[in-house]
């Protein structure tokens, strides 16, 4: 059972931000590797694709059953090489300033999504607590 209609999207975004942090860290770790190309993740395409596909859903045989979806495919994001970046003499195209900026921006987004999930869960808990008092 989800606290709200945006809960699944928030968790998908949180997962994406975690995977993106790994990609950015990998770029920074390979800054001195010859011919290494900057990599990033696609999320929007993955989200559209998952909306078009039907998720595996549990069967509900009674009106009081909770509707829960179980789909692991949303954790897979498409890695791609970033095109159009300036290459150094060794063929490497990683810009440390850009990667550090992207890492910082990604970290802020990760924290904001975590706070949104906490707030969403708090509202859900408050709603359940209020309904149990009646």
N, C-alpha and C. Protein backbone atom coordinates (compact mmCIF):
# COMPACT_ATOMS: atom_id res chain seq x y z
N UNK A 1 0.85 -1.18 0.00
CA UNK A 1 0.00 0.00 0.00
C UNK A 1 0.89 1.24 0.00
N UNK A 2 0.54 2.18 -0.81
CA UNK A 2 1.34 3.38 -0.95
C UNK A 2 0.68 4.55 -0.22
N UNK A 3 1.49 5.40 0.42
CA UNK A 3 0.95 6.56 1.10
C UNK A 3 0.21 7.51 0.16
N UNK A 4 0.69 7.67 -1.07
CA UNK A 4 0.01 8.55 -2.02
C UNK A 4 0.32 8.08 -3.43
N UNK A 5 -0.26 8.75 -4.40
CA UNK A 5 -0.07 8.36 -5.79
C UNK A 5 1.34 8.68 -6.32
N UNK A 6 2.09 9.50 -5.61
CA UNK A 6 3.42 9.86 -6.08
C UNK A 6 4.52 9.04 -5.41
N UNK A 7 4.17 8.17 -4.49
CA UNK A 7 5.18 7.41 -3.74
C UNK A 7 6.07 6.58 -4.65
N UNK A 8 5.47 5.86 -5.58
CA UNK A 8 6.26 5.02 -6.48
C UNK A 8 7.22 5.86 -7.32
N UNK A 9 6.75 6.99 -7.81
CA UNK A 9 7.60 7.88 -8.60
C UNK A 9 8.76 8.42 -7.75
N UNK A 10 8.50 8.75 -6.50
CA UNK A 10 9.56 9.24 -5.61
C UNK A 10 10.63 8.17 -5.41
N UNK A 11 10.21 6.92 -5.19
CA UNK A 11 11.19 5.86 -5.01
C UNK A 11 11.97 5.57 -6.28
N UNK A 12 11.31 5.69 -7.44
CA UNK A 12 12.02 5.53 -8.71
C UNK A 12 13.07 6.63 -8.86
N UNK A 13 12.69 7.85 -8.52
CA UNK A 13 13.64 8.97 -8.60
C UNK A 13 14.80 8.78 -7.63
N UNK A 14 14.50 8.29 -6.42
CA UNK A 14 15.55 8.05 -5.43
C UNK A 14 16.53 7.01 -5.94
N UNK A 15 16.01 5.95 -6.53
CA UNK A 15 16.85 4.91 -7.10
C UNK A 15 17.70 5.47 -8.25
N UNK A 16 17.07 6.28 -9.10
CA UNK A 16 17.79 6.91 -10.21
C UNK A 16 18.93 7.79 -9.70
N UNK A 17 18.65 8.59 -8.69
CA UNK A 17 19.68 9.49 -8.14
C UNK A 17 20.85 8.70 -7.55
N UNK A 18 20.56 7.57 -6.90
CA UNK A 18 21.63 6.72 -6.37
C UNK A 18 22.49 6.14 -7.48
N UNK A 19 21.85 5.67 -8.54
CA UNK A 19 22.58 5.11 -9.68
C UNK A 19 23.37 6.19 -10.42
N UNK A 20 22.79 7.39 -10.50
CA UNK A 20 23.48 8.49 -11.17
C UNK A 20 24.73 8.91 -10.38
N UNK A 21 24.63 8.85 -9.05
CA UNK A 21 25.78 9.18 -8.21
C UNK A 21 26.94 8.20 -8.50
N UNK A 22 26.59 6.93 -8.71
CA UNK A 22 27.61 5.93 -9.05
C UNK A 22 28.26 6.25 -10.40
N UNK A 23 27.44 6.66 -11.38
CA UNK A 23 27.97 6.99 -12.70
C UNK A 23 28.90 8.20 -12.63
N UNK A 24 28.50 9.22 -11.89
CA UNK A 24 29.34 10.42 -11.75
C UNK A 24 30.64 10.08 -11.02
N UNK A 25 30.54 9.27 -9.97
CA UNK A 25 31.74 8.85 -9.24
C UNK A 25 32.69 8.07 -10.14
N UNK A 26 32.12 7.23 -10.99
CA UNK A 26 32.94 6.47 -11.93
C UNK A 26 33.64 7.40 -12.92
N UNK A 27 32.93 8.43 -13.37
CA UNK A 27 33.55 9.41 -14.27
C UNK A 27 34.73 10.09 -13.59
N UNK A 28 34.54 10.51 -12.36
CA UNK A 28 35.61 11.20 -11.63
C UNK A 28 36.79 10.25 -11.38
N UNK A 29 36.49 9.00 -11.05
CA UNK A 29 37.56 8.02 -10.80
C UNK A 29 38.38 7.74 -12.05
N UNK A 30 37.79 7.92 -13.22
CA UNK A 30 38.48 7.64 -14.48
C UNK A 30 38.98 8.91 -15.18
N UNK A 31 39.18 9.96 -14.43
CA UNK A 31 39.58 11.24 -15.03
C UNK A 31 40.95 11.15 -15.72
N UNK A 32 41.82 10.26 -15.27
CA UNK A 32 43.14 10.11 -15.88
C UNK A 32 43.25 8.90 -16.79
N UNK A 33 42.14 8.23 -17.08
CA UNK A 33 42.15 7.05 -17.94
C UNK A 33 42.08 7.48 -19.40
N UNK A 34 43.08 7.11 -20.19
CA UNK A 34 43.07 7.49 -21.61
C UNK A 34 41.85 6.91 -22.33
N UNK A 35 41.28 7.69 -23.23
CA UNK A 35 40.14 7.31 -24.06
C UNK A 35 38.86 7.01 -23.28
N UNK A 36 38.80 7.37 -22.01
CA UNK A 36 37.55 7.18 -21.24
C UNK A 36 36.58 8.29 -21.61
N UNK A 37 35.33 7.93 -21.84
CA UNK A 37 34.30 8.90 -22.21
C UNK A 37 33.31 9.07 -21.06
N UNK A 38 32.87 10.31 -20.86
CA UNK A 38 31.90 10.63 -19.81
C UNK A 38 30.61 9.85 -20.03
N UNK A 39 30.10 9.26 -18.95
CA UNK A 39 28.87 8.48 -19.01
C UNK A 39 27.81 9.10 -18.12
N UNK A 40 26.55 8.87 -18.48
CA UNK A 40 25.42 9.36 -17.70
C UNK A 40 24.28 8.36 -17.84
N UNK A 41 23.20 8.58 -17.10
CA UNK A 41 22.04 7.69 -17.14
C UNK A 41 20.84 8.39 -17.74
N UNK A 42 20.00 7.62 -18.43
CA UNK A 42 18.72 8.12 -18.92
C UNK A 42 17.64 7.63 -17.98
N UNK A 43 16.80 8.54 -17.53
CA UNK A 43 15.69 8.15 -16.67
C UNK A 43 14.35 8.40 -17.33
N UNK A 44 14.21 9.50 -18.03
CA UNK A 44 12.91 9.87 -18.60
C UNK A 44 12.45 8.79 -19.58
N UNK A 45 13.34 8.32 -20.44
CA UNK A 45 12.97 7.28 -21.39
C UNK A 45 12.52 6.02 -20.66
N UNK A 46 13.22 5.69 -19.59
CA UNK A 46 12.89 4.51 -18.80
C UNK A 46 11.52 4.66 -18.16
N UNK A 47 11.19 5.86 -17.68
CA UNK A 47 9.90 6.11 -17.06
C UNK A 47 8.78 5.97 -18.08
N UNK A 48 8.97 6.54 -19.28
CA UNK A 48 7.96 6.42 -20.32
C UNK A 48 7.75 4.95 -20.69
N UNK A 49 8.85 4.22 -20.80
CA UNK A 49 8.79 2.80 -21.15
C UNK A 49 8.04 2.01 -20.09
N UNK A 50 8.31 2.28 -18.83
CA UNK A 50 7.64 1.55 -17.75
C UNK A 50 6.16 1.89 -17.67
N UNK A 51 5.78 3.10 -18.06
CA UNK A 51 4.36 3.46 -18.07
C UNK A 51 3.62 2.75 -19.19
N UNK A 52 4.31 2.48 -20.30
CA UNK A 52 3.69 1.78 -21.42
C UNK A 52 3.51 0.30 -21.13
N UNK A 53 4.44 -0.28 -20.36
CA UNK A 53 4.37 -1.70 -20.02
C UNK A 53 3.44 -1.89 -18.83
N UNK A 54 2.84 -3.05 -18.77
CA UNK A 54 1.99 -3.34 -17.62
C UNK A 54 2.84 -4.00 -16.55
N UNK A 55 2.69 -3.56 -15.31
CA UNK A 55 3.44 -4.11 -14.19
C UNK A 55 2.77 -5.37 -13.68
N UNK A 56 3.57 -6.23 -13.06
CA UNK A 56 3.03 -7.41 -12.41
C UNK A 56 2.28 -6.98 -11.17
N UNK A 57 1.02 -7.32 -11.10
CA UNK A 57 0.19 -6.91 -9.97
C UNK A 57 -0.30 -8.15 -9.23
N UNK A 58 -0.44 -8.03 -7.92
CA UNK A 58 -1.00 -9.10 -7.13
C UNK A 58 -2.51 -9.14 -7.33
N UNK A 59 -3.04 -10.33 -7.30
CA UNK A 59 -4.48 -10.49 -7.48
C UNK A 59 -5.22 -10.08 -6.22
N UNK A 60 -6.26 -9.30 -6.37
CA UNK A 60 -7.09 -8.92 -5.23
C UNK A 60 -8.42 -9.65 -5.36
N UNK A 61 -8.71 -10.51 -4.39
CA UNK A 61 -9.93 -11.31 -4.43
C UNK A 61 -11.01 -10.76 -3.52
N UNK A 62 -10.69 -9.72 -2.79
CA UNK A 62 -11.64 -9.11 -1.86
C UNK A 62 -11.46 -7.60 -1.90
N UNK A 63 -12.52 -6.86 -1.70
CA UNK A 63 -12.46 -5.39 -1.75
C UNK A 63 -11.51 -4.80 -0.72
N UNK A 64 -11.27 -5.50 0.39
CA UNK A 64 -10.40 -4.97 1.44
C UNK A 64 -8.92 -5.28 1.22
N UNK A 65 -8.60 -6.02 0.15
CA UNK A 65 -7.19 -6.30 -0.14
C UNK A 65 -6.48 -5.04 -0.61
N UNK A 66 -5.20 -4.92 -0.24
CA UNK A 66 -4.41 -3.78 -0.68
C UNK A 66 -3.91 -4.03 -2.09
N UNK A 67 -3.85 -2.99 -2.89
CA UNK A 67 -3.33 -3.08 -4.24
C UNK A 67 -1.83 -2.79 -4.21
N UNK A 68 -1.01 -3.82 -4.45
CA UNK A 68 0.44 -3.69 -4.39
C UNK A 68 1.02 -4.14 -5.71
N UNK A 69 1.91 -3.34 -6.29
CA UNK A 69 2.57 -3.74 -7.52
C UNK A 69 3.99 -4.19 -7.21
N UNK A 70 4.43 -5.18 -7.96
CA UNK A 70 5.79 -5.70 -7.78
C UNK A 70 6.46 -5.67 -9.14
N UNK A 71 7.38 -4.73 -9.33
CA UNK A 71 8.06 -4.61 -10.61
C UNK A 71 9.49 -4.16 -10.37
N UNK A 72 10.45 -5.04 -10.69
CA UNK A 72 11.87 -4.73 -10.48
C UNK A 72 12.49 -4.02 -11.68
N UNK A 73 11.79 -3.94 -12.81
CA UNK A 73 12.40 -3.38 -14.02
C UNK A 73 12.65 -1.88 -13.90
N UNK A 74 12.02 -1.21 -12.96
CA UNK A 74 12.19 0.24 -12.84
C UNK A 74 13.56 0.62 -12.28
N UNK A 75 14.31 -0.36 -11.77
CA UNK A 75 15.62 -0.06 -11.22
C UNK A 75 16.70 -0.07 -12.30
N UNK A 76 16.37 -0.47 -13.51
CA UNK A 76 17.34 -0.52 -14.60
C UNK A 76 17.28 0.76 -15.41
N UNK A 77 18.41 1.46 -15.45
CA UNK A 77 18.50 2.71 -16.20
C UNK A 77 19.49 2.52 -17.31
N UNK A 78 19.30 3.23 -18.39
CA UNK A 78 20.16 3.09 -19.55
C UNK A 78 21.37 4.01 -19.43
N UNK A 79 22.57 3.40 -19.46
CA UNK A 79 23.82 4.16 -19.41
C UNK A 79 24.19 4.54 -20.85
N UNK A 80 24.64 5.77 -21.04
CA UNK A 80 25.07 6.21 -22.36
C UNK A 80 26.28 7.11 -22.24
N UNK A 81 27.03 7.22 -23.33
CA UNK A 81 28.18 8.13 -23.38
C UNK A 81 27.69 9.51 -23.79
N UNK A 82 28.12 10.53 -23.05
CA UNK A 82 27.74 11.91 -23.35
C UNK A 82 28.51 12.36 -24.59
N UNK A 83 27.79 12.87 -25.57
CA UNK A 83 28.40 13.30 -26.84
C UNK A 83 28.67 14.80 -26.82
N UNK A 84 29.59 15.23 -27.67
CA UNK A 84 29.83 16.65 -27.88
C UNK A 84 30.71 17.33 -26.84
N UNK A 85 31.43 16.56 -26.04
CA UNK A 85 32.32 17.16 -25.04
C UNK A 85 33.72 17.30 -25.61
N UNK A 86 34.46 18.29 -25.11
CA UNK A 86 35.82 18.54 -25.57
C UNK A 86 36.74 17.44 -25.04
N UNK A 87 37.51 16.84 -25.94
CA UNK A 87 38.45 15.78 -25.55
C UNK A 87 39.82 16.36 -25.28
N UNK A 88 40.51 15.73 -24.33
CA UNK A 88 41.88 16.09 -24.05
C UNK A 88 42.79 15.34 -25.03
N UNK A 89 44.08 15.56 -24.95
CA UNK A 89 45.03 14.92 -25.86
C UNK A 89 45.00 13.39 -25.77
N UNK A 90 44.67 12.85 -24.59
CA UNK A 90 44.65 11.39 -24.42
C UNK A 90 43.30 10.77 -24.79
N UNK A 91 42.36 11.57 -25.30
CA UNK A 91 41.06 11.06 -25.72
C UNK A 91 40.01 11.08 -24.63
N UNK A 92 40.40 11.43 -23.41
CA UNK A 92 39.48 11.50 -22.28
C UNK A 92 38.69 12.80 -22.38
N UNK A 93 37.37 12.75 -22.10
CA UNK A 93 36.57 13.98 -22.22
C UNK A 93 35.89 14.37 -20.91
N UNK A 94 36.43 13.93 -19.78
CA UNK A 94 35.83 14.25 -18.48
C UNK A 94 36.28 15.64 -18.03
N UNK A 95 35.32 16.45 -17.64
CA UNK A 95 35.59 17.77 -17.08
C UNK A 95 35.29 17.69 -15.58
N UNK A 96 36.32 17.81 -14.75
CA UNK A 96 36.17 17.64 -13.31
C UNK A 96 35.19 18.64 -12.71
N UNK A 97 35.25 19.89 -13.14
CA UNK A 97 34.34 20.91 -12.62
C UNK A 97 32.88 20.56 -12.91
N UNK A 98 32.62 20.12 -14.12
CA UNK A 98 31.25 19.73 -14.50
C UNK A 98 30.78 18.54 -13.68
N UNK A 99 31.65 17.54 -13.51
CA UNK A 99 31.27 16.34 -12.76
C UNK A 99 31.02 16.66 -11.29
N UNK A 100 31.85 17.52 -10.71
CA UNK A 100 31.66 17.90 -9.30
C UNK A 100 30.35 18.68 -9.13
N UNK A 101 30.05 19.53 -10.10
CA UNK A 101 28.81 20.28 -10.08
C UNK A 101 27.60 19.35 -10.20
N UNK A 102 27.68 18.39 -11.11
CA UNK A 102 26.61 17.41 -11.28
C UNK A 102 26.45 16.55 -10.03
N UNK A 103 27.55 16.20 -9.39
CA UNK A 103 27.49 15.40 -8.16
C UNK A 103 26.80 16.19 -7.05
N UNK A 104 27.13 17.46 -6.93
CA UNK A 104 26.52 18.32 -5.92
C UNK A 104 25.02 18.47 -6.18
N UNK A 105 24.66 18.73 -7.43
CA UNK A 105 23.25 18.89 -7.80
C UNK A 105 22.48 17.58 -7.53
N UNK A 106 23.09 16.46 -7.87
CA UNK A 106 22.46 15.16 -7.66
C UNK A 106 22.27 14.88 -6.17
N UNK A 107 23.24 15.26 -5.37
CA UNK A 107 23.16 15.06 -3.92
C UNK A 107 22.02 15.89 -3.31
N UNK A 108 21.87 17.12 -3.77
CA UNK A 108 20.78 17.97 -3.28
C UNK A 108 19.43 17.37 -3.67
N UNK A 109 19.32 16.90 -4.91
CA UNK A 109 18.08 16.27 -5.37
C UNK A 109 17.78 15.01 -4.57
N UNK A 110 18.80 14.21 -4.27
CA UNK A 110 18.63 12.99 -3.48
C UNK A 110 18.06 13.34 -2.11
N UNK A 111 18.62 14.36 -1.46
CA UNK A 111 18.13 14.79 -0.15
C UNK A 111 16.70 15.30 -0.21
N UNK A 112 16.38 16.06 -1.25
CA UNK A 112 15.02 16.59 -1.40
C UNK A 112 14.01 15.46 -1.59
N UNK A 113 14.38 14.46 -2.37
CA UNK A 113 13.49 13.32 -2.60
C UNK A 113 13.31 12.52 -1.31
N UNK A 114 14.39 12.34 -0.56
CA UNK A 114 14.28 11.65 0.73
C UNK A 114 13.31 12.39 1.65
N UNK A 115 13.44 13.71 1.71
CA UNK A 115 12.53 14.50 2.55
C UNK A 115 11.08 14.40 2.08
N UNK A 116 10.88 14.35 0.77
CA UNK A 116 9.53 14.20 0.23
C UNK A 116 8.93 12.85 0.61
N UNK A 117 9.74 11.81 0.57
CA UNK A 117 9.26 10.48 0.96
C UNK A 117 8.92 10.46 2.44
N UNK A 118 9.76 11.07 3.27
CA UNK A 118 9.47 11.13 4.70
C UNK A 118 8.17 11.88 4.96
N UNK A 119 7.97 13.01 4.28
CA UNK A 119 6.76 13.81 4.46
C UNK A 119 5.53 13.03 3.99
N UNK A 120 5.66 12.37 2.86
CA UNK A 120 4.58 11.56 2.31
C UNK A 120 4.19 10.45 3.29
N UNK A 121 5.18 9.80 3.87
CA UNK A 121 4.93 8.73 4.84
C UNK A 121 4.32 9.28 6.12
N UNK A 122 4.77 10.45 6.54
CA UNK A 122 4.22 11.07 7.75
C UNK A 122 2.74 11.39 7.57
N UNK A 123 2.36 11.94 6.42
CA UNK A 123 0.95 12.22 6.15
C UNK A 123 0.13 10.94 6.16
N UNK A 124 0.68 9.90 5.58
CA UNK A 124 -0.01 8.61 5.53
C UNK A 124 -0.22 8.06 6.95
N UNK A 125 0.83 8.15 7.77
CA UNK A 125 0.74 7.67 9.16
C UNK A 125 -0.30 8.48 9.94
N UNK A 126 -0.29 9.80 9.74
CA UNK A 126 -1.25 10.67 10.41
C UNK A 126 -2.67 10.30 10.01
N UNK A 127 -2.87 10.02 8.73
CA UNK A 127 -4.19 9.65 8.24
C UNK A 127 -4.65 8.32 8.87
N UNK A 128 -3.76 7.36 8.97
CA UNK A 128 -4.11 6.08 9.58
C UNK A 128 -4.39 6.25 11.07
N UNK A 129 -3.55 7.03 11.75
CA UNK A 129 -3.77 7.27 13.19
C UNK A 129 -5.10 7.96 13.43
N UNK A 130 -5.43 8.92 12.59
CA UNK A 130 -6.70 9.62 12.74
C UNK A 130 -7.90 8.72 12.49
N UNK A 131 -7.79 7.85 11.51
CA UNK A 131 -8.92 6.98 11.18
C UNK A 131 -9.11 5.90 12.24
N UNK A 132 -8.04 5.53 12.95
CA UNK A 132 -8.17 4.49 13.98
C UNK A 132 -8.80 5.03 15.26
N UNK A 133 -8.86 6.34 15.43
CA UNK A 133 -9.43 6.96 16.62
C UNK A 133 -10.96 7.05 16.54
N UNK A 134 -11.50 6.85 15.36
CA UNK A 134 -12.95 6.97 15.18
C UNK A 134 -13.67 5.75 15.63
